[in-house]
Amino acid sequence: MNALTEFLRMNDNWGYIWLAYTIFFVVMIVIMVSPILQSKKIVKKLKRRYERQQSNNNS
């Protein structure tokens, strides 16, 4: 248990190291989620464009 405690404390630099880990994981999550949100936005835009073209063709 002592080794685990020492690892988690990171030789008294735990504040900086865990802050860096937190920033890293937040950035990784943003990088993973942003393409999904971007693709959904593109699909909505294309769907609106298609519907607009269909309504213009029917007129």
PDB file of N, CA and C in Angstrom:
ATOM      1  N   MET A   1       0.827  -1.203   0.000  1.00  0.00           N
ATOM      2  CA  MET A   1       0.000   0.000   0.000  1.00  0.00           C
ATOM      3  C   MET A   1       0.864   1.258   0.000  1.00  0.00           C
ATOM      4  N   ASN A   2       2.031   1.167   0.591  1.00  0.00           N
ATOM      5  CA  ASN A   2       2.923   2.311   0.646  1.00  0.00           C
ATOM      6  C   ASN A   2       3.388   2.712  -0.755  1.00  0.00           C
ATOM      7  N   ALA A   3       3.654   1.738  -1.620  1.00  0.00           N
ATOM      8  CA  ALA A   3       4.089   2.041  -2.979  1.00  0.00           C
ATOM      9  C   ALA A   3       2.978   2.740  -3.757  1.00  0.00           C
ATOM     10  N   LEU A   4       1.747   2.304  -3.562  1.00  0.00           N
ATOM     11  CA  LEU A   4       0.620   2.949  -4.233  1.00  0.00           C
ATOM     12  C   LEU A   4       0.460   4.385  -3.749  1.00  0.00           C
ATOM     13  N   THR A   5       0.610   4.598  -2.464  1.00  0.00           N
ATOM     14  CA  THR A   5       0.510   5.948  -1.919  1.00  0.00           C
ATOM     15  C   THR A   5       1.605   6.841  -2.479  1.00  0.00           C
ATOM     16  N   GLU A   6       2.817   6.325  -2.558  1.00  0.00           N
ATOM     17  CA  GLU A   6       3.927   7.096  -3.128  1.00  0.00           C
ATOM     18  C   GLU A   6       3.676   7.411  -4.607  1.00  0.00           C
ATOM     19  N   PHE A   7       3.133   6.449  -5.323  1.00  0.00           N
ATOM     20  CA  PHE A   7       2.822   6.695  -6.735  1.00  0.00           C
ATOM     21  C   PHE A   7       1.779   7.797  -6.881  1.00  0.00           C
ATOM     22  N   LEU A   8       0.732   7.730  -6.071  1.00  0.00           N
ATOM     23  CA  LEU A   8      -0.334   8.720  -6.174  1.00  0.00           C
ATOM     24  C   LEU A   8       0.138  10.106  -5.735  1.00  0.00           C
ATOM     25  N   ARG A   9       1.079  10.169  -4.806  1.00  0.00           N
ATOM     26  CA  ARG A   9       1.602  11.459  -4.357  1.00  0.00           C
ATOM     27  C   ARG A   9       2.642  12.007  -5.326  1.00  0.00           C
ATOM     28  N   MET A  10       3.268  11.157  -6.124  1.00  0.00           N
ATOM     29  CA  MET A  10       4.244  11.547  -7.143  1.00  0.00           C
ATOM     30  C   MET A  10       5.377  12.393  -6.560  1.00  0.00           C
ATOM     31  N   ASN A  11       5.930  11.935  -5.469  1.00  0.00           N
ATOM     32  CA  ASN A  11       7.068  12.620  -4.826  1.00  0.00           C
ATOM     33  C   ASN A  11       6.775  14.092  -4.532  1.00  0.00           C
ATOM     34  N   ASP A  12       5.635  14.344  -3.960  1.00  0.00           N
ATOM     35  CA  ASP A  12       5.200  15.685  -3.551  1.00  0.00           C
ATOM     36  C   ASP A  12       5.005  16.654  -4.723  1.00  0.00           C
ATOM     37  N   ASN A  13       4.958  16.162  -5.927  1.00  0.00           N
ATOM     38  CA  ASN A  13       4.631  16.980  -7.098  1.00  0.00           C
ATOM     39  C   ASN A  13       3.247  16.617  -7.621  1.00  0.00           C
ATOM     40  N   TRP A  14       2.437  16.016  -6.791  1.00  0.00           N
ATOM     41  CA  TRP A  14       1.154  15.484  -7.231  1.00  0.00           C
ATOM     42  C   TRP A  14       0.238  16.565  -7.800  1.00  0.00           C
ATOM     43  N   GLY A  15       0.297  17.764  -7.268  1.00  0.00           N
ATOM     44  CA  GLY A  15      -0.591  18.823  -7.750  1.00  0.00           C
ATOM     45  C   GLY A  15      -0.358  19.138  -9.217  1.00  0.00           C
ATOM     46  N   TYR A  16       0.895  19.286  -9.588  1.00  0.00           N
ATOM     47  CA  TYR A  16       1.224  19.602 -10.977  1.00  0.00           C
ATOM     48  C   TYR A  16       0.947  18.419 -11.906  1.00  0.00           C
ATOM     49  N   ILE A  17       1.308  17.241 -11.434  1.00  0.00           N
ATOM     50  CA  ILE A  17       1.170  16.059 -12.286  1.00  0.00           C
ATOM     51  C   ILE A  17      -0.298  15.720 -12.516  1.00  0.00           C
ATOM     52  N   TRP A  18      -1.112  15.738 -11.465  1.00  0.00           N
ATOM     53  CA  TRP A  18      -2.520  15.413 -11.644  1.00  0.00           C
ATOM     54  C   TRP A  18      -3.241  16.499 -12.434  1.00  0.00           C
ATOM     55  N   LEU A  19      -2.782  17.743 -12.298  1.00  0.00           N
ATOM     56  CA  LEU A  19      -3.351  18.815 -13.129  1.00  0.00           C
ATOM     57  C   LEU A  19      -3.034  18.553 -14.602  1.00  0.00           C
ATOM     58  N   ALA A  20      -1.810  18.150 -14.878  1.00  0.00           N
ATOM     59  CA  ALA A  20      -1.432  17.837 -16.258  1.00  0.00           C
ATOM     60  C   ALA A  20      -2.238  16.648 -16.782  1.00  0.00           C
ATOM     61  N   TYR A  21      -2.404  15.611 -15.963  1.00  0.00           N
ATOM     62  CA  TYR A  21      -3.224  14.466 -16.369  1.00  0.00           C
ATOM     63  C   TYR A  21      -4.656  14.905 -16.662  1.00  0.00           C
ATOM     64  N   THR A  22      -5.207  15.746 -15.819  1.00  0.00           N
ATOM     65  CA  THR A  22      -6.586  16.209 -16.000  1.00  0.00           C
ATOM     66  C   THR A  22      -6.719  16.990 -17.308  1.00  0.00           C
ATOM     67  N   ILE A  23      -5.806  17.905 -17.541  1.00  0.00           N
ATOM     68  CA  ILE A  23      -5.852  18.680 -18.786  1.00  0.00           C
ATOM     69  C   ILE A  23      -5.709  17.758 -19.989  1.00  0.00           C
ATOM     70  N   PHE A  24      -4.801  16.801 -19.904  1.00  0.00           N
ATOM     71  CA  PHE A  24      -4.592  15.859 -21.001  1.00  0.00           C
ATOM     72  C   PHE A  24      -5.873  15.095 -21.322  1.00  0.00           C
ATOM     73  N   PHE A  25      -6.528  14.552 -20.295  1.00  0.00           N
ATOM     74  CA  PHE A  25      -7.740  13.763 -20.542  1.00  0.00           C
ATOM     75  C   PHE A  25      -8.892  14.625 -21.035  1.00  0.00           C
ATOM     76  N   VAL A  26      -9.001  15.848 -20.549  1.00  0.00           N
ATOM     77  CA  VAL A  26     -10.058  16.740 -21.040  1.00  0.00           C
ATOM     78  C   VAL A  26      -9.831  17.049 -22.519  1.00  0.00           C
ATOM     79  N   VAL A  27      -8.582  17.338 -22.877  1.00  0.00           N
ATOM     80  CA  VAL A  27      -8.272  17.618 -24.275  1.00  0.00           C
ATOM     81  C   VAL A  27      -8.546  16.391 -25.143  1.00  0.00           C
ATOM     82  N   MET A  28      -8.193  15.212 -24.658  1.00  0.00           N
ATOM     83  CA  MET A  28      -8.445  13.990 -25.420  1.00  0.00           C
ATOM     84  C   MET A  28      -9.943  13.766 -25.621  1.00  0.00           C
ATOM     85  N   ILE A  29     -10.734  14.024 -24.619  1.00  0.00           N
ATOM     86  CA  ILE A  29     -12.184  13.866 -24.745  1.00  0.00           C
ATOM     87  C   ILE A  29     -12.735  14.858 -25.769  1.00  0.00           C
ATOM     88  N   VAL A  30     -12.264  16.099 -25.715  1.00  0.00           N
ATOM     89  CA  VAL A  30     -12.716  17.104 -26.684  1.00  0.00           C
ATOM     90  C   VAL A  30     -12.335  16.687 -28.098  1.00  0.00           C
ATOM     91  N   ILE A  31     -11.122  16.176 -28.266  1.00  0.00           N
ATOM     92  CA  ILE A  31     -10.668  15.741 -29.585  1.00  0.00           C
ATOM     93  C   ILE A  31     -11.510  14.565 -30.082  1.00  0.00           C
ATOM     94  N   MET A  32     -11.925  13.684 -29.189  1.00  0.00           N
ATOM     95  CA  MET A  32     -12.715  12.530 -29.599  1.00  0.00           C
ATOM     96  C   MET A  32     -14.165  12.905 -29.892  1.00  0.00           C
ATOM     97  N   VAL A  33     -14.712  13.871 -29.176  1.00  0.00           N
ATOM     98  CA  VAL A  33     -16.132  14.213 -29.316  1.00  0.00           C
ATOM     99  C   VAL A  33     -16.370  15.215 -30.447  1.00  0.00           C
ATOM    100  N   SER A  34     -15.426  16.100 -30.710  1.00  0.00           N
ATOM    101  CA  SER A  34     -15.660  17.154 -31.692  1.00  0.00           C
ATOM    102  C   SER A  34     -15.946  16.635 -33.100  1.00  0.00           C
ATOM    103  N   PRO A  35     -15.292  15.578 -33.605  1.00  0.00           N
ATOM    104  CA  PRO A  35     -15.672  15.092 -34.943  1.00  0.00           C
ATOM    105  C   PRO A  35     -17.105  14.565 -34.997  1.00  0.00           C
ATOM    106  N   ILE A  36     -17.559  13.979 -33.912  1.00  0.00           N
ATOM    107  CA  ILE A  36     -18.933  13.460 -33.873  1.00  0.00           C
ATOM    108  C   ILE A  36     -19.925  14.617 -33.969  1.00  0.00           C
ATOM    109  N   LEU A  37     -19.669  15.663 -33.184  1.00  0.00           N
ATOM    110  CA  LEU A  37     -20.561  16.819 -33.224  1.00  0.00           C
ATOM    111  C   LEU A  37     -20.486  17.529 -34.573  1.00  0.00           C
ATOM    112  N   GLN A  38     -19.292  17.613 -35.121  1.00  0.00           N
ATOM    113  CA  GLN A  38     -19.115  18.256 -36.428  1.00  0.00           C
ATOM    114  C   GLN A  38     -19.857  17.485 -37.520  1.00  0.00           C
ATOM    115  N   SER A  39     -19.767  16.161 -37.486  1.00  0.00           N
ATOM    116  CA  SER A  39     -20.438  15.371 -38.521  1.00  0.00           C
ATOM    117  C   SER A  39     -21.957  15.484 -38.398  1.00  0.00           C
ATOM    118  N   LYS A  40     -22.469  15.554 -37.175  1.00  0.00           N
ATOM    119  CA  LYS A  40     -23.911  15.737 -37.009  1.00  0.00           C
ATOM    120  C   LYS A  40     -24.353  17.086 -37.564  1.00  0.00           C
ATOM    121  N   LYS A  41     -23.529  18.110 -37.358  1.00  0.00           N
ATOM    122  CA  LYS A  41     -23.853  19.430 -37.881  1.00  0.00           C
ATOM    123  C   LYS A  41     -23.849  19.418 -39.401  1.00  0.00           C
ATOM    124  N   ILE A  42     -22.897  18.736 -39.992  1.00  0.00           N
ATOM    125  CA  ILE A  42     -22.809  18.652 -41.452  1.00  0.00           C
ATOM    126  C   ILE A  42     -24.008  17.899 -42.016  1.00  0.00           C
ATOM    127  N   VAL A  43     -24.405  16.816 -41.359  1.00  0.00           N
ATOM    128  CA  VAL A  43     -25.559  16.043 -41.825  1.00  0.00           C
ATOM    129  C   VAL A  43     -26.823  16.895 -41.771  1.00  0.00           C
ATOM    130  N   LYS A  44     -26.999  17.653 -40.696  1.00  0.00           N
ATOM    131  CA  LYS A  44     -28.170  18.534 -40.610  1.00  0.00           C
ATOM    132  C   LYS A  44     -28.155  19.581 -41.723  1.00  0.00           C
ATOM    133  N   LYS A  45     -26.986  20.136 -41.982  1.00  0.00           N
ATOM    134  CA  LYS A  45     -26.867  21.153 -43.027  1.00  0.00           C
ATOM    135  C   LYS A  45     -27.193  20.563 -44.397  1.00  0.00           C
ATOM    136  N   LEU A  46     -26.678  19.377 -44.673  1.00  0.00           N
ATOM    137  CA  LEU A  46     -26.962  18.728 -45.954  1.00  0.00           C
ATOM    138  C   LEU A  46     -28.440  18.361 -46.081  1.00  0.00           C
ATOM    139  N   LYS A  47     -29.036  17.945 -44.977  1.00  0.00           N
ATOM    140  CA  LYS A  47     -30.456  17.596 -45.003  1.00  0.00           C
ATOM    141  C   LYS A  47     -31.303  18.832 -45.306  1.00  0.00           C
ATOM    142  N   ARG A  48     -30.971  19.968 -44.686  1.00  0.00           N
ATOM    143  CA  ARG A  48     -31.713  21.206 -44.976  1.00  0.00           C
ATOM    144  C   ARG A  48     -31.537  21.613 -46.435  1.00  0.00           C
ATOM    145  N   ARG A  49     -30.320  21.479 -46.945  1.00  0.00           N
ATOM    146  CA  ARG A  49     -30.053  21.827 -48.344  1.00  0.00           C
ATOM    147  C   ARG A  49     -30.847  20.927 -49.282  1.00  0.00           C
ATOM    148  N   TYR A  50     -30.887  19.636 -48.971  1.00  0.00           N
ATOM    149  CA  TYR A  50     -31.638  18.686 -49.793  1.00  0.00           C
ATOM    150  C   TYR A  50     -33.133  19.016 -49.771  1.00  0.00           C
ATOM    151  N   GLU A  51     -33.663  19.306 -48.583  1.00  0.00           N
ATOM    152  CA  GLU A  51     -35.078  19.649 -48.474  1.00  0.00           C
ATOM    153  C   GLU A  51     -35.389  20.937 -49.239  1.00  0.00           C
ATOM    154  N   ARG A  52     -34.478  21.896 -49.187  1.00  0.00           N
ATOM    155  CA  ARG A  52     -34.677  23.146 -49.916  1.00  0.00           C
ATOM    156  C   ARG A  52     -34.679  22.888 -51.421  1.00  0.00           C
ATOM    157  N   GLN A  53     -33.783  22.033 -51.895  1.00  0.00           N
ATOM    158  CA  GLN A  53     -33.744  21.703 -53.324  1.00  0.00           C
ATOM    159  C   GLN A  53     -35.011  20.973 -53.745  1.00  0.00           C
ATOM    160  N   GLN A  54     -35.491  20.072 -52.885  1.00  0.00           N
ATOM    161  CA  GLN A  54     -36.710  19.352 -53.208  1.00  0.00           C
ATOM    162  C   GLN A  54     -37.899  20.289 -53.279  1.00  0.00           C
ATOM    163  N   SER A  55     -37.966  21.229 -52.366  1.00  0.00           N
ATOM    164  CA  SER A  55     -39.094  22.175 -52.400  1.00  0.00           C
ATOM    165  C   SER A  55     -38.996  23.094 -53.621  1.00  0.00           C
ATOM    166  N   ASN A  56     -37.782  23.443 -54.039  1.00  0.00           N
ATOM    167  CA  ASN A  56     -37.625  24.280 -55.244  1.00  0.00           C
ATOM    168  C   ASN A  56     -37.971  23.485 -56.506  1.00  0.00           C
ATOM    169  N   ASN A  57     -37.676  22.209 -56.535  1.00  0.00           N
ATOM    170  CA  ASN A  57     -37.995  21.378 -57.702  1.00  0.00           C
ATOM    171  C   ASN A  57     -39.490  21.129 -57.815  1.00  0.00           C
ATOM    172  N   ASN A  58     -40.166  21.077 -56.678  1.00  0.00           N
ATOM    173  CA  ASN A  58     -41.613  20.836 -56.688  1.00  0.00           C
ATOM    174  C   ASN A  58     -42.392  22.089 -57.049  1.00  0.00           C
ATOM    175  N   SER A  59     -41.770  23.233 -56.935  1.00  0.00           N
ATOM    176  CA  SER A  59     -42.481  24.506 -57.207  1.00  0.00           C
ATOM    177  C   SER A  59     -42.623  24.748 -58.687  1.00  0.00           C
TER     178      SER A  59
END
